[in-house]
Each structure stands twice: as C-alpha cells, then as structure tokens.
Protein backbone atom coordinates (compact mmCIF):
# COMPACT_ATOMS: atom_id res chain seq x y z
CA UNK A 1 -16.55 -31.95 -11.95
CA UNK A 2 -14.92 -32.82 -8.64
CA UNK A 3 -11.49 -32.70 -10.30
CA UNK A 4 -12.19 -29.31 -11.88
CA UNK A 5 -13.51 -27.99 -8.60
CA UNK A 6 -10.44 -29.29 -6.79
CA UNK A 7 -8.07 -27.55 -9.20
CA UNK A 8 -10.03 -24.31 -8.97
CA UNK A 9 -10.01 -24.50 -5.20
CA UNK A 10 -6.26 -25.11 -5.18
CA UNK A 11 -5.59 -22.05 -7.32
CA UNK A 12 -7.79 -19.84 -5.17
CA UNK A 13 -6.28 -21.23 -1.98
CA UNK A 14 -2.78 -20.59 -3.32
CA UNK A 15 -3.53 -16.97 -4.09
CA UNK A 16 -5.25 -16.42 -0.78
CA UNK A 17 -2.16 -17.80 0.92
CA UNK A 18 0.09 -15.49 -1.05
CA UNK A 19 -2.15 -12.61 -0.08
CA UNK A 20 -1.03 -13.25 3.50
CA UNK A 21 2.55 -14.40 2.86
CA UNK A 22 3.39 -11.35 0.87
CA UNK A 23 6.34 -9.37 -0.37
CA UNK A 24 8.14 -6.45 1.19
CA UNK A 25 8.43 -3.81 -1.49
CA UNK A 26 6.78 -0.64 -2.75
CA UNK A 27 4.83 -2.61 -5.33
CA UNK A 28 4.83 -6.10 -6.75
CA UNK A 29 2.55 -8.39 -8.72
CA UNK A 30 1.27 -11.93 -8.30
CA UNK A 31 2.97 -12.80 -11.57
CA UNK A 32 6.34 -12.23 -9.91
CA UNK A 33 5.43 -14.58 -7.08
CA UNK A 34 4.01 -17.32 -9.32
CA UNK A 35 5.65 -16.65 -12.72
CA UNK A 36 4.23 -19.70 -14.50
CA UNK A 37 0.59 -18.70 -13.98
CA UNK A 38 -1.44 -16.18 -15.96
CA UNK A 39 -4.18 -14.62 -13.86
CA UNK A 40 -7.49 -13.19 -15.06
CA UNK A 41 -7.05 -9.76 -13.48
CA UNK A 42 -8.88 -6.47 -13.93
CA UNK A 43 -5.75 -4.73 -15.21
CA UNK A 44 -6.12 -6.76 -18.42
CA UNK A 45 -9.63 -5.37 -18.96
CA UNK A 46 -9.11 -1.66 -18.36
CA UNK A 47 -9.78 -0.82 -22.02
CA UNK A 48 -13.19 -2.51 -22.04
CA UNK A 49 -16.16 -0.15 -22.09
CA UNK A 50 -18.19 -1.76 -19.30
CA UNK A 51 -17.42 -4.06 -16.38
CA UNK A 52 -20.05 -6.29 -14.83
CA UNK A 53 -19.59 -6.51 -11.08
CA UNK A 54 -21.47 -9.23 -9.23
CA UNK A 55 -22.08 -8.97 -5.50
CA UNK A 56 -23.92 -11.17 -3.05
CA UNK A 57 -24.53 -11.85 0.62
CA UNK A 58 -24.00 -15.03 2.56
CA UNK A 59 -27.16 -16.86 3.64
CA UNK A 60 -28.18 -15.60 7.07
CA UNK A 61 -26.65 -12.14 6.62
CA UNK A 62 -28.82 -9.80 8.73
CA UNK A 63 -31.38 -7.64 6.99
CA UNK A 64 -29.85 -4.59 8.72
CA UNK A 65 -26.63 -5.10 6.74
CA UNK A 66 -28.43 -5.88 3.49
CA UNK A 67 -30.26 -2.60 3.94
CA UNK A 68 -26.91 -0.94 3.19
CA UNK A 69 -26.94 -2.42 -0.32
CA UNK A 70 -27.01 0.91 -2.15
CA UNK A 71 -24.13 2.26 -0.11
CA UNK A 72 -22.13 -0.91 -0.71
CA UNK A 73 -22.69 -0.59 -4.47
CA UNK A 74 -21.49 3.00 -4.32
CA UNK A 75 -18.37 2.00 -2.36
CA UNK A 76 -17.53 -0.74 -4.86
CA UNK A 77 -17.82 1.74 -7.73
CA UNK A 78 -15.73 4.35 -5.93
CA UNK A 79 -13.06 1.78 -5.04
CA UNK A 80 -12.74 0.74 -8.67
CA UNK A 81 -12.48 4.35 -9.78
CA UNK A 82 -9.74 5.30 -7.31
CA UNK A 83 -7.60 2.52 -8.79
CA UNK A 84 -8.39 3.53 -12.37
CA UNK A 85 -7.89 7.28 -11.87
CA UNK A 86 -4.05 7.16 -11.90
CA UNK A 87 -4.24 5.43 -15.30
CA UNK A 88 -6.47 8.18 -16.67
CA UNK A 89 -4.03 10.81 -15.47
CA UNK A 90 -0.90 9.02 -16.69
CA UNK A 91 -2.38 7.89 -20.03
CA UNK A 92 -4.91 10.65 -20.96
CA UNK A 93 -5.42 9.32 -24.49
CA UNK A 94 -6.20 5.74 -23.43
CA UNK A 95 -9.82 4.61 -23.18
CA UNK A 96 -10.04 3.50 -19.55
CA UNK A 97 -13.15 1.74 -18.21
CA UNK A 98 -15.57 4.05 -16.41
CA UNK A 99 -18.88 2.17 -16.59
CA UNK A 100 -19.80 -0.47 -14.02
CA UNK A 101 -22.93 -2.59 -14.02
CA UNK A 102 -23.62 -3.79 -10.48
CA UNK A 103 -25.48 -7.11 -10.44
CA UNK A 104 -27.09 -8.50 -7.28
CA UNK A 105 -26.60 -12.26 -7.29
CA UNK A 106 -28.41 -14.83 -5.20
CA UNK A 107 -27.38 -15.31 -1.58
CA UNK A 108 -24.90 -18.15 -1.20
CA UNK A 109 -24.30 -20.81 1.42
CA UNK A 110 -21.19 -20.92 3.58
CA UNK A 111 -19.88 -23.67 1.31
CA UNK A 112 -20.85 -23.60 -2.36
CA UNK A 113 -21.85 -27.00 -3.68
CA UNK A 114 -19.46 -26.85 -6.64
CA UNK A 115 -22.24 -27.24 -9.15
CA UNK A 116 -22.00 -26.32 -12.83
CA UNK A 117 -24.46 -23.49 -12.21
CA UNK A 118 -22.13 -21.94 -9.64
CA UNK A 119 -19.19 -21.89 -12.04
CA UNK A 120 -21.36 -20.65 -14.91
CA UNK A 121 -22.59 -17.64 -12.95
CA UNK A 122 -19.05 -16.98 -11.70
CA UNK A 123 -17.83 -16.60 -15.27
CA UNK A 124 -20.60 -14.18 -16.19
CA UNK A 125 -19.05 -11.23 -14.34
CA UNK A 126 -15.69 -9.47 -14.39
CA UNK A 127 -15.45 -9.31 -10.61
CA UNK A 128 -17.48 -10.64 -7.72
CA UNK A 129 -17.72 -9.30 -4.17
CA UNK A 130 -18.93 -11.64 -1.43
CA UNK A 131 -20.15 -10.09 1.82
CA UNK A 132 -19.71 -12.74 4.49
CA UNK A 133 -21.19 -10.74 7.40
CA UNK A 134 -18.67 -11.84 10.02
CA UNK A 135 -15.47 -10.59 11.59
CA UNK A 136 -12.09 -11.60 10.21
CA UNK A 137 -9.51 -10.82 7.55
CA UNK A 138 -10.85 -10.09 4.10
CA UNK A 139 -9.26 -11.85 1.14
CA UNK A 140 -9.05 -11.75 -2.65
CA UNK A 141 -8.81 -14.81 -4.87
CA UNK A 142 -7.37 -15.16 -8.37
CA UNK A 143 -7.45 -18.26 -10.49
CA UNK A 144 -8.98 -19.72 -13.62
CA UNK A 145 -12.12 -17.63 -13.12
CA UNK A 146 -12.73 -13.88 -12.69
CA UNK A 147 -11.27 -12.47 -9.46
CA UNK A 148 -13.31 -12.62 -6.30
CA UNK A 149 -13.28 -10.63 -3.04
CA UNK A 150 -14.47 -11.99 0.29
CA UNK A 151 -15.29 -9.20 2.74
CA UNK A 152 -15.06 -10.19 6.41
CA UNK A 153 -15.26 -6.97 8.39
CA UNK A 154 -18.31 -7.50 10.53
CA UNK A 155 -21.70 -5.90 10.09
CA UNK A 156 -20.75 -2.23 10.12
CA UNK A 157 -19.49 -0.15 7.22
CA UNK A 158 -16.94 1.71 9.32
CA UNK A 159 -13.50 3.23 8.76
CA UNK A 160 -11.65 -0.14 8.72
CA UNK A 161 -14.19 -1.64 6.31
CA UNK A 162 -13.70 0.93 3.54
CA UNK A 163 -9.89 0.78 3.08
CA UNK A 164 -10.05 -3.02 3.42
CA UNK A 165 -12.43 -3.13 0.44
CA UNK A 166 -10.13 -0.87 -1.60
CA UNK A 167 -7.12 -3.00 -0.60
CA UNK A 168 -8.74 -6.26 -1.71
CA UNK A 169 -9.90 -4.74 -4.99
CA UNK A 170 -6.27 -3.74 -5.55
CA UNK A 171 -5.47 -7.46 -5.53
CA UNK A 172 -8.06 -8.12 -8.23
CA UNK A 173 -6.15 -5.76 -10.53
CA UNK A 174 -3.08 -7.95 -9.99
CA UNK A 175 -1.09 -6.13 -7.31
CA UNK A 176 0.32 -8.20 -4.46
CA UNK A 177 0.62 -7.19 -0.82
CA UNK A 178 3.70 -5.22 0.19
CA UNK A 179 3.93 -6.40 3.77
CA UNK A 180 5.12 -9.67 5.32
CA UNK A 181 3.09 -11.86 7.67
CA UNK A 182 5.15 -15.00 7.62
CA UNK A 183 8.26 -16.55 9.10
CA UNK A 184 9.36 -17.79 5.69
CA UNK A 185 12.77 -16.15 4.96
CA UNK A 186 11.71 -15.74 1.34
CA UNK A 187 9.10 -13.21 2.41
CA UNK A 188 10.96 -11.70 5.35
CA UNK A 189 11.46 -7.95 5.36
CA UNK A 190 14.60 -5.89 5.91
CA UNK A 191 13.27 -3.68 8.70
CA UNK A 192 11.31 -0.48 8.80
CA UNK A 193 7.69 0.18 9.59
CA UNK A 194 5.98 -1.86 12.28
CA UNK A 195 2.65 -1.92 10.49
CA UNK A 196 4.18 -3.03 7.21
CA UNK A 197 7.14 -5.07 8.51
CA UNK A 198 9.25 -3.66 5.70
CA UNK A 199 10.76 -0.52 4.22
CA UNK A 200 7.87 0.12 1.88
CA UNK A 201 5.95 3.39 2.12
CA UNK A 202 2.48 3.84 3.51
CA UNK A 203 -0.11 2.61 1.03
CA UNK A 204 -3.23 0.52 0.66
CA UNK A 205 -1.22 -2.50 -0.46
CA UNK A 206 1.11 -2.23 2.54
CA UNK A 207 -1.97 -2.13 4.81
CA UNK A 208 -0.65 1.13 6.25
CA UNK A 209 -3.01 3.94 5.37
CA UNK A 210 -5.41 6.57 6.72
CA UNK A 211 -8.43 4.75 8.12
CA UNK A 212 -11.04 7.42 7.42
CA UNK A 213 -10.75 8.06 3.69
CA UNK A 214 -11.55 6.24 0.47
CA UNK A 215 -8.32 6.86 -1.41
CA UNK A 216 -5.04 5.29 -2.40
CA UNK A 217 -1.57 6.58 -1.55
CA UNK A 218 1.23 7.69 -3.86
CA UNK A 219 2.87 4.27 -3.73
CA UNK A 220 -0.39 2.61 -4.82
CA UNK A 221 -0.76 5.02 -7.73
CA UNK A 222 2.71 4.21 -8.97
CA UNK A 223 2.10 0.51 -8.49
CA UNK A 224 -1.02 0.44 -10.70
CA UNK A 225 0.72 2.53 -13.38
CA UNK A 226 3.71 0.20 -13.29
CA UNK A 227 1.45 -2.86 -13.60
CA UNK A 228 -0.43 -1.29 -16.53
CA UNK A 229 2.85 -0.59 -18.32
CA UNK A 230 3.89 -4.20 -17.84
CA UNK A 231 0.63 -5.70 -19.10
CA UNK A 232 -0.22 -3.25 -21.89
CA UNK A 233 3.16 -1.76 -22.85
CA UNK A 234 5.40 -4.79 -22.46
CA UNK A 235 7.58 -3.24 -19.76
CA UNK A 236 9.76 -5.89 -18.03
CA UNK A 237 8.87 -6.71 -14.43
CA UNK A 238 12.38 -5.79 -13.30
CA UNK A 239 12.04 -2.27 -14.73
CA UNK A 240 10.50 -0.13 -11.98
CA UNK A 241 9.89 2.82 -14.36
CA UNK A 242 9.85 5.41 -11.57
CA UNK A 243 13.35 6.75 -10.78
CA UNK A 244 12.68 6.81 -7.02
CA UNK A 245 12.42 3.00 -6.98
CA UNK A 246 14.85 0.14 -7.39
CA UNK A 247 14.18 -3.49 -8.26
CA UNK A 248 14.97 -6.31 -5.87
CA UNK A 249 14.93 -9.92 -7.01
CA UNK A 250 14.40 -11.80 -3.75
CA UNK A 251 11.60 -11.43 -3.03
CA UNK A 252 10.75 -9.81 -6.38
CA UNK A 253 9.37 -6.30 -6.55
CA UNK A 254 10.15 -2.59 -6.57
CA UNK A 255 10.85 -0.54 -3.45
CA UNK A 256 11.76 3.09 -2.81
CA UNK A 257 15.48 3.75 -2.93
CA UNK A 258 15.24 6.00 0.12
CA UNK A 259 12.28 4.84 2.24
CA UNK A 260 12.34 7.54 4.91
CA UNK A 261 12.74 10.33 2.36
CA UNK A 262 9.85 8.85 0.39
CA UNK A 263 7.70 8.90 3.52
CA UNK A 264 8.47 12.57 4.16
CA UNK A 265 7.52 13.46 0.60
CA UNK A 266 4.46 11.26 0.13
CA UNK A 267 3.53 9.42 3.32
CA UNK A 268 1.68 10.14 6.53
CA UNK A 269 3.02 11.69 9.75
CA UNK A 270 2.38 8.45 11.59
CA UNK A 271 4.35 6.36 9.12
CA UNK A 272 7.41 8.60 9.07
CA UNK A 273 7.57 8.78 12.88
CA UNK A 274 7.21 5.01 13.06
CA UNK A 275 10.04 4.55 10.57
CA UNK A 276 12.38 6.64 12.72
CA UNK A 277 11.49 4.49 15.71
CA UNK A 278 12.10 1.24 13.82
CA UNK A 279 14.98 2.18 11.52
CA UNK A 280 16.78 5.34 12.74
CA UNK A 281 19.81 4.68 10.48
CA UNK A 282 17.67 5.70 7.50
CA UNK A 283 17.82 9.29 8.79
CA UNK A 284 21.39 9.73 7.53
CA UNK A 285 20.99 8.14 4.10
CA UNK A 286 21.64 10.64 1.30
CA UNK A 287 19.84 10.57 -2.05
CA UNK A 288 21.32 11.41 -5.45
CA UNK A 289 21.23 15.12 -4.59
CA UNK A 290 22.94 14.56 -1.25
CA UNK A 291 19.76 15.37 0.66
CA UNK A 292 18.89 13.50 3.86
CA UNK A 293 15.63 13.03 5.72
CA UNK A 294 16.62 16.02 7.85
CA UNK A 295 17.09 18.19 4.75
CA UNK A 296 13.64 17.21 3.48
CA UNK A 297 12.01 17.77 6.87
CA UNK A 298 13.45 21.29 6.86
CA UNK A 299 12.35 21.88 3.26
CA UNK A 300 8.79 20.89 4.19
CA UNK A 301 8.87 23.11 7.33
CA UNK A 302 8.10 20.10 9.52
CA UNK A 303 9.58 21.26 12.82
CA UNK A 304 8.01 18.39 14.75
CA UNK A 305 9.71 15.80 12.57
CA UNK A 306 13.00 17.72 12.61
CA UNK A 307 12.95 17.47 16.40
CA UNK A 308 12.14 13.77 16.24
CA UNK A 309 15.00 13.09 13.81
CA UNK A 310 17.45 14.93 16.04
CA UNK A 311 16.28 13.34 19.29
CA UNK A 312 15.45 9.79 18.30
CA UNK A 313 17.62 9.16 15.23
CA UNK A 314 20.59 11.37 16.16
CA UNK A 315 20.43 12.86 12.66
CA UNK A 316 23.82 14.06 11.43
CA UNK A 317 23.56 17.84 11.02
CA UNK A 318 26.94 18.04 9.24
CA UNK A 319 25.84 16.21 6.07
CA UNK A 320 25.74 18.41 2.97
CA UNK A 321 23.78 18.21 -0.27
CA UNK A 322 25.30 18.58 -3.73
CA UNK A 323 25.18 22.36 -3.33
CA UNK A 324 27.15 22.13 -0.10
CA UNK A 325 24.20 22.99 2.15
CA UNK A 326 23.56 21.47 5.57
CA UNK A 327 20.03 21.24 6.95
CA UNK A 328 20.84 24.30 9.07
CA UNK A 329 21.85 26.25 5.96
CA UNK A 330 18.46 25.52 4.41
CA UNK A 331 16.65 26.49 7.61
CA UNK A 332 18.48 29.81 7.53
CA UNK A 333 17.58 30.33 3.88
CA UNK A 334 13.87 29.93 4.63
CA UNK A 335 14.27 31.78 7.95
CA UNK A 336 12.52 29.10 10.02
CA UNK A 337 13.41 30.25 13.53
CA UNK A 338 12.15 27.20 15.44
CA UNK A 339 14.00 24.73 13.21
CA UNK A 340 17.18 26.83 13.43
CA UNK A 341 16.86 26.75 17.20
CA UNK A 342 16.29 22.97 17.24
CA UNK A 343 19.37 22.21 15.14
CA UNK A 344 21.62 24.62 17.04
CA UNK A 345 20.50 23.17 20.38
CA UNK A 346 21.19 19.66 19.08
CA UNK A 347 24.68 20.71 17.99
CA UNK A 348 25.43 22.14 21.42
CA UNK A 349 24.56 18.97 23.27
CA UNK A 350 27.36 16.83 24.69
CA UNK A 351 28.08 13.72 22.66
CA UNK A 352 27.07 10.56 24.46
CA UNK A 353 29.90 8.03 23.97
CA UNK A 354 27.37 5.20 24.08
CA UNK A 355 25.34 6.85 21.27
CA UNK A 356 22.31 7.15 23.51
CA UNK A 357 19.98 10.11 23.81
CA UNK A 358 21.24 13.05 25.86
CA UNK A 359 19.22 14.79 28.54
CA UNK A 360 17.59 17.56 26.49
CA UNK A 361 14.71 16.15 24.44
CA UNK A 362 12.51 17.59 21.71
CA UNK A 363 9.61 17.76 24.14
CA UNK A 364 11.65 19.66 26.71
CA UNK A 365 12.92 22.11 24.11
CA UNK A 366 9.40 22.65 22.79
CA UNK A 367 8.26 23.52 26.30
CA UNK A 368 11.15 25.99 26.62
CA UNK A 369 13.10 24.02 29.27
C-alpha cells in the first residue's frame, strides 16, 4: 500500500506542479505537457447522464464556513455548468451531462492516512472538492484517481473565491493553465499581459478575468470545445480548429494569432489597456483583412482605447485594410466626431525622433487642452 500511495502522490504532485509551471497560450491541455500519461478527466465523461460530486471540509474548519454548505453546493453546480454550456451550444445534438449528485463526505485530516478506505471512497465519485479553510493558492490534481480540487481561499466566499473555484474545475476537465509562473525557459512567455505573463487573452485559465462574476471568457469557451473535439472527435492536438488561433509547439498549445485584436473583440477593458502598456508593438500588427487594433477600436466605437493606442503605442494611422481604408476613413464612415478629432490631432503632432511620447496626451485632449 505504501508503494501505491507513493505513486499516487507522485502523480498528483506532478500535476499540481504543472498547474503552477504552466504554458503561455490561449488554451492547452495536460496531455500536451505530459504526453505519455492518460488522465481521468471530466471531459471524458461529458456524455454520462449523472456525475457524482464529493465534497468535504478539513477537520477544524469553522462552523461559520460549514454553514455555507448549500451555497457551496450551488457554486459547484454552477461552475460545472458554465464549462459544459459551450459544448451544448456547439454540439446541440450531443447528450451532455446536466445532472449532478452532490455528496457530503466525512471531514478529513490535514494529512490523509493513505488507508484503503480513503482510496476506495476517492474512486466512488467523479470529482471531489476539498475545502481547506485557509488562505493560499488553490490547486487541482489529476492522476490515477478521479480529479480533485483543493480550495484554499480563506473562510469567505468572496469575489476571488468564486472565479478560483471555476478555474480549478477547468483543470479537472483537462485544460492546463495559460500563464507562466516559473523561470524555466520551457514555460517562459513571449511578452504581453502582466497578469498572464504571456500573449494569451483574458480568461479563467489565464487567471485574468472579472472578479465579480461566475462565468468563463471567450478563450475558455473555445478551449473546452477544442478539448472536446480532441477527446471525442479525434482532432489532433496541433489542430487549433478556430481560425483565429495558431499552434505553437514549444511550449505546446494554441494562442490567438493577433492577441491585441482578440482582446478588443472578446476581452476586458483592463486586459487590452494592459497589453498596450506591456506590448505596444502589437498595435500595428495587421490581420488577414489588413485591420489593426486601431481599426477595431474605431469599429467598436471605443474612443478611450483609440486615444490610448495613439498616445501610448504610437499606433500607425496610415495602415490600410484590404479595402484600402485607414482607421480615420472608418471613423468618418461612422461619423464618430471624437475619434476623428483624436486621430487628426495625433497626425498633427510633431514626430519625436526618439520615438517617445509628444507633449499632447489623450488626457489633455479629452479635457480640451
């Protein structure tokens, strides 16, 4: 039994480590990181009628937190459903799990004793959630047994707690992190968002997401669909399926072809502003239609971001799309007076030979100075 326990612990420890030393793409899977291992993940069970979800509290967890048991059960169910909903929408004729039996299991000690009873009860459920009632980073483990989540977000079900739970449950489906927290060159990113340390878009799996909502972002939705197609449709891991993504082999995974454009279309205001700050060169990248981030900001009537692109990324206003239109041409077409004014003012500014910002800023222009 000690040998079996040791192997199991090694597998779990390995996956927990990978959950921290993660990749830097729009979406990836643990199978890409450890190709020789087959994990018991929830994505393999999405056609089953019912899932049994075990949950338990650590010994000594305060009664005040246990009193939130019904709310915790509801959050677990909602978190599972937000991950399954994209599959229902993409594959309307597939029978996707929608029944969850929540099972309260006995409180556990800080260190399980490794007994046969422990492993027997572990195998009886499809997923187990452990509430550890202390501060720290939550984790998800995959191995020879059903996946397991360890929630370490204190004693309050607050705005950080909820997305952390959804994030960790995303791991139990088989998705890996899309941010890097390691000095290992294999997992190092290529620049971009501060919060994600890479050019991936805002999402639950990049740990860059709205902190007050129980939902997943566009990148997460595509990631779970892509994983389903790999497991149930035989799609190769190097086929990203969605045309806005490209595959990268080292580290393995799919990322948006045009990260800043993706953020404008699907991300959050905070993430797109952060990307300009970290990687201003992305502002002048053109997609297949010749459109730049500035074009898209104009198309979405985002005057604030237009000003930020002009001031902080020195966006090139002369770039044209496949129809020959500059961003100013589009602004004129939609008759957006403020954006027209912003672009014209930017074009009238003297060119700084050192490529630094000139005196007139977006804030000054907004105030009418």
